[in-house]
PDB file of N, CA and C in Angstrom:
ATOM      1  N   MET A   1      19.978  14.690   8.493  1.00  0.00           N
ATOM      2  CA  MET A   1      18.787  14.239   7.960  1.00  0.00           C
ATOM      3  C   MET A   1      17.526  14.241   9.263  1.00  0.00           C
ATOM      4  N   LYS A   2      16.161  14.418   8.896  1.00  0.00           N
ATOM      5  CA  LYS A   2      15.111  14.571   9.954  1.00  0.00           C
ATOM      6  C   LYS A   2      14.927  13.193  10.249  1.00  0.00           C
ATOM      7  N   LYS A   3      14.189  12.741  11.305  1.00  0.00           N
ATOM      8  CA  LYS A   3      13.846  11.329  11.613  1.00  0.00           C
ATOM      9  C   LYS A   3      11.847  11.575  11.475  1.00  0.00           C
ATOM     10  N   LEU A   4      11.718  10.722  10.341  1.00  0.00           N
ATOM     11  CA  LEU A   4      10.268  10.420   9.941  1.00  0.00           C
ATOM     12  C   LEU A   4       9.449   9.685  10.970  1.00  0.00           C
ATOM     13  N   PRO A   5       8.336  10.081  11.384  1.00  0.00           N
ATOM     14  CA  PRO A   5       7.420   9.352  12.388  1.00  0.00           C
ATOM     15  C   PRO A   5       7.203   8.186  11.925  1.00  0.00           C
ATOM     16  N   SER A   6       6.783   6.957  12.526  1.00  0.00           N
ATOM     17  CA  SER A   6       6.442   5.700  11.743  1.00  0.00           C
ATOM     18  C   SER A   6       5.166   5.554  11.364  1.00  0.00           C
ATOM     19  N   ALA A   7       4.896   4.820  10.474  1.00  0.00           N
ATOM     20  CA  ALA A   7       3.448   4.514   9.804  1.00  0.00           C
ATOM     21  C   ALA A   7       2.304   4.194  10.625  1.00  0.00           C
ATOM     22  N   TYR A   8       3.067   3.657  11.705  1.00  0.00           N
ATOM     23  CA  TYR A   8       1.753   2.870  12.493  1.00  0.00           C
ATOM     24  C   TYR A   8       1.246   4.263  13.668  1.00  0.00           C
ATOM     25  N   ASP A   9       1.932   5.397  13.466  1.00  0.00           N
ATOM     26  CA  ASP A   9       1.964   6.673  14.608  1.00  0.00           C
ATOM     27  C   ASP A   9       0.844   7.327  14.325  1.00  0.00           C
ATOM     28  N   PHE A  10      -0.082   7.212  12.785  1.00  0.00           N
ATOM     29  CA  PHE A  10      -1.183   7.850  12.753  1.00  0.00           C
ATOM     30  C   PHE A  10      -2.237   7.162  12.851  1.00  0.00           C
ATOM     31  N   LYS A  11      -3.165   7.651  13.196  1.00  0.00           N
ATOM     32  CA  LYS A  11      -4.530   6.989  13.797  1.00  0.00           C
ATOM     33  C   LYS A  11      -5.055   6.349  12.520  1.00  0.00           C
ATOM     34  N   THR A  12      -5.240   6.604  11.384  1.00  0.00           N
ATOM     35  CA  THR A  12      -5.922   6.217  10.191  1.00  0.00           C
ATOM     36  C   THR A  12      -4.887   6.061   9.073  1.00  0.00           C
ATOM     37  N   LEU A  13      -5.210   4.603   8.248  1.00  0.00           N
ATOM     38  CA  LEU A  13      -4.104   4.429   7.099  1.00  0.00           C
ATOM     39  C   LEU A  13      -4.215   5.836   5.917  1.00  0.00           C
ATOM     40  N   PRO A  14      -5.534   6.567   5.874  1.00  0.00           N
ATOM     41  CA  PRO A  14      -5.455   7.617   4.863  1.00  0.00           C
ATOM     42  C   PRO A  14      -4.469   9.000   5.295  1.00  0.00           C
ATOM     43  N   GLU A  15      -4.603   9.012   6.451  1.00  0.00           N
ATOM     44  CA  GLU A  15      -3.526  10.117   7.111  1.00  0.00           C
ATOM     45  C   GLU A  15      -2.371   9.703   7.032  1.00  0.00           C
ATOM     46  N   ALA A  16      -1.922   8.315   7.167  1.00  0.00           N
ATOM     47  CA  ALA A  16      -0.707   8.013   6.964  1.00  0.00           C
ATOM     48  C   ALA A  16       0.007   7.847   5.318  1.00  0.00           C
ATOM     49  N   ILE A  17      -0.853   7.824   4.405  1.00  0.00           N
ATOM     50  CA  ILE A  17      -0.843   7.860   3.327  1.00  0.00           C
ATOM     51  C   ILE A  17      -0.646   9.402   2.527  1.00  0.00           C
ATOM     52  N   SER A  18      -1.441  10.095   3.272  1.00  0.00           N
ATOM     53  CA  SER A  18      -1.324  11.550   3.037  1.00  0.00           C
ATOM     54  C   SER A  18       0.054  12.124   3.542  1.00  0.00           C
ATOM     55  N   PHE A  19       0.563  11.698   4.347  1.00  0.00           N
ATOM     56  CA  PHE A  19       1.810  12.200   4.895  1.00  0.00           C
ATOM     57  C   PHE A  19       2.820  11.913   4.096  1.00  0.00           C
ATOM     58  N   TYR A  20       2.813  10.548   3.632  1.00  0.00           N
ATOM     59  CA  TYR A  20       3.736   9.912   2.535  1.00  0.00           C
ATOM     60  C   TYR A  20       3.830  11.123   1.417  1.00  0.00           C
ATOM     61  N   THR A  21       2.829  10.712   0.858  1.00  0.00           N
ATOM     62  CA  THR A  21       2.402  11.568  -0.270  1.00  0.00           C
ATOM     63  C   THR A  21       3.124  13.067  -0.288  1.00  0.00           C
ATOM     64  N   ARG A  22       2.852  13.803   0.824  1.00  0.00           N
ATOM     65  CA  ARG A  22       3.300  14.750   0.668  1.00  0.00           C
ATOM     66  C   ARG A  22       5.003  15.256   1.118  1.00  0.00           C
ATOM     67  N   THR A  23       5.462  14.226   2.166  1.00  0.00           N
ATOM     68  CA  THR A  23       6.708  14.242   2.452  1.00  0.00           C
ATOM     69  C   THR A  23       7.602  13.975   0.834  1.00  0.00           C
ATOM     70  N   VAL A  24       7.259  12.732   0.077  1.00  0.00           N
ATOM     71  CA  VAL A  24       7.740  12.753  -1.070  1.00  0.00           C
ATOM     72  C   VAL A  24       7.797  13.722  -1.815  1.00  0.00           C
ATOM     73  N   ALA A  25       6.861  14.397  -2.059  1.00  0.00           N
ATOM     74  CA  ALA A  25       6.635  15.806  -2.937  1.00  0.00           C
ATOM     75  C   ALA A  25       7.616  16.671  -2.393  1.00  0.00           C
ATOM     76  N   GLU A  26       7.649  16.749  -0.877  1.00  0.00           N
ATOM     77  CA  GLU A  26       8.489  17.967  -0.819  1.00  0.00           C
ATOM     78  C   GLU A  26      10.320  17.222  -0.933  1.00  0.00           C
ATOM     79  N   VAL A  27      10.532  16.229  -0.720  1.00  0.00           N
ATOM     80  CA  VAL A  27      11.514  15.497  -0.622  1.00  0.00           C
ATOM     81  C   VAL A  27      12.350  15.868  -2.194  1.00  0.00           C
ATOM     82  N   MET A  28      11.417  15.445  -3.104  1.00  0.00           N
ATOM     83  CA  MET A  28      11.641  15.506  -4.796  1.00  0.00           C
ATOM     84  C   MET A  28      11.956  16.879  -4.585  1.00  0.00           C
ATOM     85  N   LYS A  29      11.234  17.806  -4.548  1.00  0.00           N
ATOM     86  CA  LYS A  29      11.148  19.460  -4.768  1.00  0.00           C
ATOM     87  C   LYS A  29      12.506  19.988  -4.298  1.00  0.00           C
ATOM     88  N   ALA A  30      12.945  19.283  -3.174  1.00  0.00           N
ATOM     89  CA  ALA A  30      14.266  20.021  -2.556  1.00  0.00           C
ATOM     90  C   ALA A  30      15.209  19.138  -2.907  1.00  0.00           C
ATOM     91  N   ARG A  31      14.992  17.890  -3.722  1.00  0.00           N
ATOM     92  CA  ARG A  31      15.867  17.067  -4.111  1.00  0.00           C
ATOM     93  C   ARG A  31      17.005  16.545  -2.769  1.00  0.00           C
ATOM     94  N   ASP A  32      16.263  16.320  -1.939  1.00  0.00           N
ATOM     95  CA  ASP A  32      17.229  16.107  -0.966  1.00  0.00           C
ATOM     96  C   ASP A  32      17.492  14.535  -0.437  1.00  0.00           C
ATOM     97  N   ARG A  33      18.524  14.158  -0.732  1.00  0.00           N
ATOM     98  CA  ARG A  33      19.192  12.687  -1.186  1.00  0.00           C
ATOM     99  C   ARG A  33      19.340  12.384   0.105  1.00  0.00           C
ATOM    100  N   SER A  34      19.611  13.131   1.147  1.00  0.00           N
ATOM    101  CA  SER A  34      19.963  12.569   2.545  1.00  0.00           C
ATOM    102  C   SER A  34      18.670  11.633   3.087  1.00  0.00           C
ATOM    103  N   MET A  35      17.498  12.055   2.682  1.00  0.00           N
ATOM    104  CA  MET A  35      16.346  11.304   2.962  1.00  0.00           C
ATOM    105  C   MET A  35      15.400  10.067   2.485  1.00  0.00           C
ATOM    106  N   HIS A  36      16.603   9.781   1.654  1.00  0.00           N
ATOM    107  CA  HIS A  36      16.279   8.595   0.939  1.00  0.00           C
ATOM    108  C   HIS A  36      15.966   7.589   2.055  1.00  0.00           C
ATOM    109  N   GLU A  37      16.891   7.183   2.732  1.00  0.00           N
ATOM    110  CA  GLU A  37      16.745   5.859   3.768  1.00  0.00           C
ATOM    111  C   GLU A  37      15.438   6.199   4.366  1.00  0.00           C
ATOM    112  N   GLU A  38      15.123   7.158   5.214  1.00  0.00           N
ATOM    113  CA  GLU A  38      13.837   7.564   5.686  1.00  0.00           C
ATOM    114  C   GLU A  38      12.761   7.496   5.196  1.00  0.00           C
ATOM    115  N   VAL A  39      12.702   8.066   4.187  1.00  0.00           N
ATOM    116  CA  VAL A  39      11.445   7.942   3.303  1.00  0.00           C
ATOM    117  C   VAL A  39      11.031   6.302   2.657  1.00  0.00           C
ATOM    118  N   MET A  40      12.463   5.434   2.236  1.00  0.00           N
ATOM    119  CA  MET A  40      12.106   4.274   2.127  1.00  0.00           C
ATOM    120  C   MET A  40      11.757   3.152   3.417  1.00  0.00           C
ATOM    121  N   ARG A  41      12.316   3.405   4.403  1.00  0.00           N
ATOM    122  CA  ARG A  41      11.570   3.056   5.908  1.00  0.00           C
ATOM    123  C   ARG A  41      10.243   3.345   6.130  1.00  0.00           C
ATOM    124  N   PHE A  42       9.778   4.338   5.748  1.00  0.00           N
ATOM    125  CA  PHE A  42       8.450   4.567   5.633  1.00  0.00           C
ATOM    126  C   PHE A  42       7.586   3.946   4.947  1.00  0.00           C
ATOM    127  N   LYS A  43       8.159   4.087   3.770  1.00  0.00           N
ATOM    128  CA  LYS A  43       7.283   3.403   2.732  1.00  0.00           C
ATOM    129  C   LYS A  43       6.878   1.610   3.002  1.00  0.00           C
ATOM    130  N   ARG A  44       8.142   1.127   3.367  1.00  0.00           N
ATOM    131  CA  ARG A  44       8.054  -0.262   3.755  1.00  0.00           C
ATOM    132  C   ARG A  44       7.149  -0.180   4.845  1.00  0.00           C
ATOM    133  N   GLU A  45       7.035   0.366   6.006  1.00  0.00           N
ATOM    134  CA  GLU A  45       6.362   0.179   6.901  1.00  0.00           C
ATOM    135  C   GLU A  45       4.928   0.624   6.566  1.00  0.00           C
ATOM    136  N   LEU A  46       4.438   1.458   5.947  1.00  0.00           N
ATOM    137  CA  LEU A  46       3.219   1.875   5.375  1.00  0.00           C
ATOM    138  C   LEU A  46       2.606   0.808   4.473  1.00  0.00           C
ATOM    139  N   HIS A  47       3.392   0.151   3.700  1.00  0.00           N
ATOM    140  CA  HIS A  47       3.212  -0.906   2.916  1.00  0.00           C
ATOM    141  C   HIS A  47       2.735  -2.333   3.617  1.00  0.00           C
ATOM    142  N   GLU A  48       3.335  -2.398   4.736  1.00  0.00           N
ATOM    143  CA  GLU A  48       3.319  -3.404   5.820  1.00  0.00           C
ATOM    144  C   GLU A  48       1.806  -3.008   6.417  1.00  0.00           C
ATOM    145  N   ARG A  49       1.743  -1.851   6.719  1.00  0.00           N
ATOM    146  CA  ARG A  49       0.074  -1.307   7.609  1.00  0.00           C
ATOM    147  C   ARG A  49      -0.971  -1.707   6.514  1.00  0.00           C
ATOM    148  N   ILE A  50      -0.741  -1.312   5.224  1.00  0.00           N
ATOM    149  CA  ILE A  50      -1.672  -1.435   4.176  1.00  0.00           C
ATOM    150  C   ILE A  50      -2.174  -3.046   3.973  1.00  0.00           C
ATOM    151  N   ASP A  51      -1.051  -3.734   3.996  1.00  0.00           N
ATOM    152  CA  ASP A  51      -1.459  -5.087   3.890  1.00  0.00           C
ATOM    153  C   ASP A  51      -2.184  -5.857   5.137  1.00  0.00           C
ATOM    154  N   ARG A  52      -1.774  -5.132   6.206  1.00  0.00           N
ATOM    155  CA  ARG A  52      -2.801  -5.729   7.425  1.00  0.00           C
ATOM    156  C   ARG A  52      -4.134  -5.153   7.580  1.00  0.00           C
ATOM    157  N   GLU A  53      -4.069  -3.961   7.186  1.00  0.00           N
ATOM    158  CA  GLU A  53      -5.467  -3.137   7.066  1.00  0.00           C
ATOM    159  C   GLU A  53      -6.617  -3.617   6.075  1.00  0.00           C
ATOM    160  N   TYR A  54      -5.677  -4.079   4.936  1.00  0.00           N
ATOM    161  CA  TYR A  54      -6.373  -4.330   3.712  1.00  0.00           C
ATOM    162  C   TYR A  54      -7.475  -5.574   4.006  1.00  0.00           C
ATOM    163  N   ASP A  55      -8.798  -5.099   3.528  1.00  0.00           N
ATOM    164  CA  ASP A  55      -9.737  -6.178   3.478  1.00  0.00           C
ATOM    165  C   ASP A  55     -10.241  -6.315   1.989  1.00  0.00           C
ATOM    166  N   PRO A  56      -9.594  -7.519   1.334  1.00  0.00           N
ATOM    167  CA  PRO A  56     -10.084  -7.887  -0.407  1.00  0.00           C
ATOM    168  C   PRO A  56     -11.561  -7.620  -0.048  1.00  0.00           C
ATOM    169  N   ALA A  57     -12.406  -8.158   0.735  1.00  0.00           N
ATOM    170  CA  ALA A  57     -13.928  -8.274   0.433  1.00  0.00           C
ATOM    171  C   ALA A  57     -14.507  -7.319   0.463  1.00  0.00           C
ATOM    172  N   ALA A  58     -13.696  -6.141   0.854  1.00  0.00           N
ATOM    173  CA  ALA A  58     -14.498  -4.843   0.747  1.00  0.00           C
ATOM    174  C   ALA A  58     -14.413  -4.345  -0.424  1.00  0.00           C
ATOM    175  N   LEU A  59     -14.102  -4.858  -1.414  1.00  0.00           N
ATOM    176  CA  LEU A  59     -14.236  -4.543  -3.001  1.00  0.00           C
ATOM    177  C   LEU A  59     -15.350  -4.976  -3.838  1.00  0.00           C
TER     178      LEU A  59
END
């Protein structure tokens, strides 16, 4: 099982989201169940980062 970077390692939020989307697609295509915990860890970090950077006034 390879170790994914942290969601906070990316400069911008869109870069982190793009990485997450590509990674999930690759893992699902390969049906690599060993990556489940790492993908879920990254997803939790990503949601934490979104919550911190999200500005409801921007809508």
